[in-house]
Amino acid sequence: MMEDIRKVILITGGQRSGKSRFAQGIALDAAQTPVYLATSRVWDDEHRKRIERHKAERMERWINIEEEKHLGSCDLQGRTVVIDCVTLWATNFFYDSDGDVQQSLDGLKTEFDKIVEQNATLIFVTNEIGMGEMSQNDLQRKFADLQGWLNQYIAARADEVFLMVSGIPVKIK
């Protein structure tokens, strides 16, 4: 019988705060061959180059999976997984629903609930976008609401939560 490694870790913070590096460090300490579950769509050439650079920076030890929306369909049993990132994952649902916050949140919660049923250590990386001033743009305000509610949903179910500040992890939970 497989050892129970079921655990959820949420790492949040601002852009370039060191979230992904910290998440990858946790994963590499926990597993010989961790999984990197990338949620980003390729939006344009610059974004494609960024994705390729990130892939090249990860060592051979990583198993790379790309899944834009249906994280619960990935077989992650017995694995340590970095899900990078929740913000891009939420963007995919938000974009596909034409900005419908409730529809997006419902779909995201459903997929989150499916993925955490697996016997895996799941390290979610997300952006804390609600710490700045409120946007004057309606679409950005709606997305900030979606992101905030999703972060709260994941954090409530997480075993550990870290806030990254200038490359320094601050344990919240």
C-alpha atoms as a PDB file:
ATOM      1  CA  MET A   1       0.000   0.000   0.000  1.00  0.00           C
ATOM      2  CA  MET A   2       1.246   3.465  -0.950  1.00  0.00           C
ATOM      3  CA  GLU A   3       2.256   5.843   1.844  1.00  0.00           C
ATOM      4  CA  ASP A   4      -0.247   8.678   2.342  1.00  0.00           C
ATOM      5  CA  ILE A   5       1.496  11.859   1.166  1.00  0.00           C
ATOM      6  CA  ARG A   6      -1.687  13.890   0.773  1.00  0.00           C
ATOM      7  CA  LYS A   7      -0.857  17.508   1.547  1.00  0.00           C
ATOM      8  CA  VAL A   8      -1.798  20.926   0.159  1.00  0.00           C
ATOM      9  CA  ILE A   9       0.596  23.865   0.341  1.00  0.00           C
ATOM     10  CA  LEU A  10      -0.322  27.342  -0.935  1.00  0.00           C
ATOM     11  CA  ILE A  11       2.376  29.878  -1.742  1.00  0.00           C
ATOM     12  CA  THR A  12       1.154  33.389  -2.437  1.00  0.00           C
ATOM     13  CA  GLY A  13       2.742  36.783  -2.975  1.00  0.00           C
ATOM     14  CA  GLY A  14       3.356  39.505  -5.492  1.00  0.00           C
ATOM     15  CA  GLN A  15       5.013  39.243  -8.887  1.00  0.00           C
ATOM     16  CA  ARG A  16       8.700  38.334  -8.730  1.00  0.00           C
ATOM     17  CA  SER A  17       8.502  37.680  -4.994  1.00  0.00           C
ATOM     18  CA  GLY A  18      10.177  34.260  -5.266  1.00  0.00           C
ATOM     19  CA  LYS A  19       7.036  32.109  -5.128  1.00  0.00           C
ATOM     20  CA  SER A  20       7.971  29.639  -7.859  1.00  0.00           C
ATOM     21  CA  ARG A  21      11.569  29.260  -6.685  1.00  0.00           C
ATOM     22  CA  PHE A  22      10.371  28.533  -3.133  1.00  0.00           C
ATOM     23  CA  ALA A  23       7.757  26.042  -4.382  1.00  0.00           C
ATOM     24  CA  GLN A  24      10.327  24.251  -6.530  1.00  0.00           C
ATOM     25  CA  GLY A  25      12.701  24.030  -3.574  1.00  0.00           C
ATOM     26  CA  ILE A  26      10.036  22.372  -1.421  1.00  0.00           C
ATOM     27  CA  ALA A  27       9.262  19.908  -4.219  1.00  0.00           C
ATOM     28  CA  LEU A  28      12.904  19.044  -4.893  1.00  0.00           C
ATOM     29  CA  ASP A  29      13.488  18.438  -1.172  1.00  0.00           C
ATOM     30  CA  ALA A  30      10.473  16.117  -1.033  1.00  0.00           C
ATOM     31  CA  ALA A  31      10.847  14.060  -4.217  1.00  0.00           C
ATOM     32  CA  GLN A  32      13.529  12.756  -6.537  1.00  0.00           C
ATOM     33  CA  THR A  33      11.366  13.460  -9.600  1.00  0.00           C
ATOM     34  CA  PRO A  34       8.711  16.066  -8.791  1.00  0.00           C
ATOM     35  CA  VAL A  35       6.009  17.103 -11.249  1.00  0.00           C
ATOM     36  CA  TYR A  36       5.711  20.615 -12.622  1.00  0.00           C
ATOM     37  CA  LEU A  37       2.077  21.170 -13.631  1.00  0.00           C
ATOM     38  CA  ALA A  38       1.988  24.299 -15.799  1.00  0.00           C
ATOM     39  CA  THR A  39      -1.382  25.967 -16.318  1.00  0.00           C
ATOM     40  CA  SER A  40      -0.448  28.725 -18.734  1.00  0.00           C
ATOM     41  CA  ARG A  41      -1.840  29.148 -22.203  1.00  0.00           C
ATOM     42  CA  VAL A  42       0.440  30.525 -24.881  1.00  0.00           C
ATOM     43  CA  TRP A  43      -1.020  33.992 -25.435  1.00  0.00           C
ATOM     44  CA  ASP A  44       1.626  35.428 -27.793  1.00  0.00           C
ATOM     45  CA  ASP A  45       5.236  35.024 -28.952  1.00  0.00           C
ATOM     46  CA  GLU A  46       6.702  36.797 -25.921  1.00  0.00           C
ATOM     47  CA  HIS A  47       4.729  34.523 -23.623  1.00  0.00           C
ATOM     48  CA  ARG A  48       5.851  31.442 -25.585  1.00  0.00           C
ATOM     49  CA  LYS A  49       9.502  32.493 -25.114  1.00  0.00           C
ATOM     50  CA  ARG A  50       8.933  33.000 -21.392  1.00  0.00           C
ATOM     51  CA  ILE A  51       7.409  29.518 -21.077  1.00  0.00           C
ATOM     52  CA  GLU A  52      10.310  27.951 -22.985  1.00  0.00           C
ATOM     53  CA  ARG A  53      12.821  29.789 -20.778  1.00  0.00           C
ATOM     54  CA  HIS A  54      11.078  28.490 -17.646  1.00  0.00           C
ATOM     55  CA  LYS A  55      11.144  24.925 -18.988  1.00  0.00           C
ATOM     56  CA  ALA A  56      14.851  25.197 -19.781  1.00  0.00           C
ATOM     57  CA  GLU A  57      15.609  26.498 -16.276  1.00  0.00           C
ATOM     58  CA  ARG A  58      14.094  23.432 -14.628  1.00  0.00           C
ATOM     59  CA  MET A  59      16.428  20.513 -14.189  1.00  0.00           C
ATOM     60  CA  GLU A  60      16.092  17.102 -15.794  1.00  0.00           C
ATOM     61  CA  ARG A  61      14.622  15.800 -12.540  1.00  0.00           C
ATOM     62  CA  TRP A  62      11.253  17.393 -13.298  1.00  0.00           C
ATOM     63  CA  ILE A  63       8.325  15.707 -15.007  1.00  0.00           C
ATOM     64  CA  ASN A  64       6.516  18.450 -16.938  1.00  0.00           C
ATOM     65  CA  ILE A  65       2.753  18.391 -17.502  1.00  0.00           C
ATOM     66  CA  GLU A  66       0.838  21.168 -19.229  1.00  0.00           C
ATOM     67  CA  GLU A  67      -2.869  21.425 -18.444  1.00  0.00           C
ATOM     68  CA  GLU A  68      -4.776  24.688 -18.814  1.00  0.00           C
ATOM     69  CA  LYS A  69      -7.974  23.868 -16.932  1.00  0.00           C
ATOM     70  CA  HIS A  70      -8.749  20.268 -15.998  1.00  0.00           C
ATOM     71  CA  LEU A  71      -6.185  19.632 -13.279  1.00  0.00           C
ATOM     72  CA  GLY A  72      -8.341  16.923 -11.747  1.00  0.00           C
ATOM     73  CA  SER A  73      -7.852  14.777 -14.849  1.00  0.00           C
ATOM     74  CA  CYS A  74      -4.079  14.533 -14.301  1.00  0.00           C
ATOM     75  CA  ASP A  75      -2.867  11.312 -12.636  1.00  0.00           C
ATOM     76  CA  LEU A  76      -0.671  12.576  -9.815  1.00  0.00           C
ATOM     77  CA  GLN A  77      -0.949   9.659  -7.396  1.00  0.00           C
ATOM     78  CA  GLY A  78       2.109   9.367  -5.174  1.00  0.00           C
ATOM     79  CA  ARG A  79       3.728  12.485  -6.634  1.00  0.00           C
ATOM     80  CA  THR A  80       4.932  15.826  -5.338  1.00  0.00           C
ATOM     81  CA  VAL A  81       3.519  18.476  -7.654  1.00  0.00           C
ATOM     82  CA  VAL A  82       4.063  22.195  -8.168  1.00  0.00           C
ATOM     83  CA  ILE A  83       0.972  23.764  -9.752  1.00  0.00           C
ATOM     84  CA  ASP A  84       2.167  27.012 -11.321  1.00  0.00           C
ATOM     85  CA  CYS A  85       0.148  29.019 -11.314  1.00  0.00           C
ATOM     86  CA  VAL A  86      -3.342  29.455  -9.906  1.00  0.00           C
ATOM     87  CA  THR A  87      -3.642  32.943 -11.423  1.00  0.00           C
ATOM     88  CA  LEU A  88      -3.093  31.702 -14.976  1.00  0.00           C
ATOM     89  CA  TRP A  89      -5.380  28.723 -14.280  1.00  0.00           C
ATOM     90  CA  ALA A  90      -8.118  31.136 -13.139  1.00  0.00           C
ATOM     91  CA  THR A  91      -7.467  33.335 -16.186  1.00  0.00           C
ATOM     92  CA  ASN A  92      -8.253  30.386 -18.475  1.00  0.00           C
ATOM     93  CA  PHE A  93     -11.636  29.807 -16.824  1.00  0.00           C
ATOM     94  CA  PHE A  94     -12.400  33.553 -16.724  1.00  0.00           C
ATOM     95  CA  TYR A  95     -11.512  34.014 -20.398  1.00  0.00           C
ATOM     96  CA  ASP A  96     -13.520  30.955 -21.522  1.00  0.00           C
ATOM     97  CA  SER A  97     -16.602  32.126 -19.579  1.00  0.00           C
ATOM     98  CA  ASP A  98     -16.460  35.656 -21.018  1.00  0.00           C
ATOM     99  CA  GLY A  99     -15.725  37.099 -17.585  1.00  0.00           C
ATOM    100  CA  ASP A 100     -18.447  35.259 -15.651  1.00  0.00           C
ATOM    101  CA  VAL A 101     -16.982  35.236 -12.130  1.00  0.00           C
ATOM    102  CA  GLN A 102     -19.419  32.731 -10.587  1.00  0.00           C
ATOM    103  CA  GLN A 103     -19.168  30.261 -13.474  1.00  0.00           C
ATOM    104  CA  SER A 104     -15.368  30.503 -13.346  1.00  0.00           C
ATOM    105  CA  LEU A 105     -15.226  30.087  -9.575  1.00  0.00           C
ATOM    106  CA  ASP A 106     -17.550  27.079  -9.678  1.00  0.00           C
ATOM    107  CA  GLY A 107     -15.407  25.380 -12.341  1.00  0.00           C
ATOM    108  CA  LEU A 108     -12.178  26.122 -10.492  1.00  0.00           C
ATOM    109  CA  LYS A 109     -13.526  24.803  -7.185  1.00  0.00           C
ATOM    110  CA  THR A 110     -14.730  21.627  -8.895  1.00  0.00           C
ATOM    111  CA  GLU A 111     -11.305  20.999 -10.422  1.00  0.00           C
ATOM    112  CA  PHE A 112      -9.536  21.844  -7.160  1.00  0.00           C
ATOM    113  CA  ASP A 113     -11.753  19.405  -5.272  1.00  0.00           C
ATOM    114  CA  LYS A 114     -10.945  16.673  -7.820  1.00  0.00           C
ATOM    115  CA  ILE A 115      -7.182  17.171  -7.742  1.00  0.00           C
ATOM    116  CA  VAL A 116      -6.945  17.157  -3.936  1.00  0.00           C
ATOM    117  CA  GLU A 117      -8.684  13.773  -3.781  1.00  0.00           C
ATOM    118  CA  GLN A 118      -5.472  12.236  -5.075  1.00  0.00           C
ATOM    119  CA  ASN A 119      -2.755  10.906  -2.782  1.00  0.00           C
ATOM    120  CA  ALA A 120      -0.249  13.608  -3.690  1.00  0.00           C
ATOM    121  CA  THR A 121       1.603  16.555  -2.207  1.00  0.00           C
ATOM    122  CA  LEU A 122       0.250  19.571  -4.077  1.00  0.00           C
ATOM    123  CA  ILE A 123       2.089  22.894  -3.962  1.00  0.00           C
ATOM    124  CA  PHE A 124      -0.048  25.669  -5.434  1.00  0.00           C
ATOM    125  CA  VAL A 125       1.585  28.936  -6.517  1.00  0.00           C
ATOM    126  CA  THR A 126      -0.681  31.968  -6.746  1.00  0.00           C
ATOM    127  CA  ASN A 127      -0.522  35.736  -6.977  1.00  0.00           C
ATOM    128  CA  GLU A 128      -1.830  38.007  -4.258  1.00  0.00           C
ATOM    129  CA  ILE A 129      -3.291  40.601  -6.604  1.00  0.00           C
ATOM    130  CA  GLY A 130      -5.687  42.254  -4.154  1.00  0.00           C
ATOM    131  CA  MET A 131      -3.085  44.138  -2.113  1.00  0.00           C
ATOM    132  CA  GLY A 132      -2.862  47.135  -4.449  1.00  0.00           C
ATOM    133  CA  GLU A 133      -5.396  49.803  -5.198  1.00  0.00           C
ATOM    134  CA  MET A 134      -8.739  48.878  -6.725  1.00  0.00           C
ATOM    135  CA  SER A 135      -8.700  49.002 -10.514  1.00  0.00           C
ATOM    136  CA  GLN A 136     -10.908  51.429 -12.386  1.00  0.00           C
ATOM    137  CA  ASN A 137     -11.403  48.721 -15.022  1.00  0.00           C
ATOM    138  CA  ASP A 138     -14.523  46.572 -14.498  1.00  0.00           C
ATOM    139  CA  LEU A 139     -12.977  43.425 -15.973  1.00  0.00           C
ATOM    140  CA  GLN A 140      -9.881  43.723 -13.774  1.00  0.00           C
ATOM    141  CA  ARG A 141     -12.052  44.221 -10.672  1.00  0.00           C
ATOM    142  CA  LYS A 142     -14.048  41.104 -11.534  1.00  0.00           C
ATOM    143  CA  PHE A 143     -10.879  39.073 -12.014  1.00  0.00           C
ATOM    144  CA  ALA A 144      -9.420  40.368  -8.733  1.00  0.00           C
ATOM    145  CA  ASP A 145     -12.604  39.194  -6.990  1.00  0.00           C
ATOM    146  CA  LEU A 146     -12.340  35.770  -8.637  1.00  0.00           C
ATOM    147  CA  GLN A 147      -8.659  35.436  -7.722  1.00  0.00           C
ATOM    148  CA  GLY A 148      -9.245  36.527  -4.131  1.00  0.00           C
ATOM    149  CA  TRP A 149     -12.135  34.122  -3.590  1.00  0.00           C
ATOM    150  CA  LEU A 150     -10.214  31.251  -5.178  1.00  0.00           C
ATOM    151  CA  ASN A 151      -7.136  31.972  -3.054  1.00  0.00           C
ATOM    152  CA  GLN A 152      -9.338  31.945   0.055  1.00  0.00           C
ATOM    153  CA  TYR A 153     -10.900  28.626  -0.997  1.00  0.00           C
ATOM    154  CA  ILE A 154      -7.513  26.983  -1.483  1.00  0.00           C
ATOM    155  CA  ALA A 155      -6.001  28.534   1.672  1.00  0.00           C
ATOM    156  CA  ALA A 156      -8.896  27.283   3.819  1.00  0.00           C
ATOM    157  CA  ARG A 157      -8.170  23.723   2.650  1.00  0.00           C
ATOM    158  CA  ALA A 158      -4.381  23.999   2.692  1.00  0.00           C
ATOM    159  CA  ASP A 159      -2.225  22.371   5.325  1.00  0.00           C
ATOM    160  CA  GLU A 160       0.348  25.158   4.995  1.00  0.00           C
ATOM    161  CA  VAL A 161       0.226  28.681   3.546  1.00  0.00           C
ATOM    162  CA  PHE A 162       3.235  30.897   2.852  1.00  0.00           C
ATOM    163  CA  LEU A 163       3.358  34.560   1.849  1.00  0.00           C
ATOM    164  CA  MET A 164       6.469  35.458  -0.123  1.00  0.00           C
ATOM    165  CA  VAL A 165       7.874  38.917   0.580  1.00  0.00           C
ATOM    166  CA  SER A 166      10.985  39.971  -1.372  1.00  0.00           C
ATOM    167  CA  GLY A 167      12.164  36.375  -1.646  1.00  0.00           C
ATOM    168  CA  ILE A 168      11.491  35.568   2.012  1.00  0.00           C
ATOM    169  CA  PRO A 169       8.792  33.005   2.895  1.00  0.00           C
ATOM    170  CA  VAL A 170       6.548  34.032   5.788  1.00  0.00           C
ATOM    171  CA  LYS A 171       4.523  31.115   7.155  1.00  0.00           C
ATOM    172  CA  ILE A 172       0.867  32.105   7.560  1.00  0.00           C
ATOM    173  CA  LYS A 173      -0.623  28.704   8.366  1.00  0.00           C
END
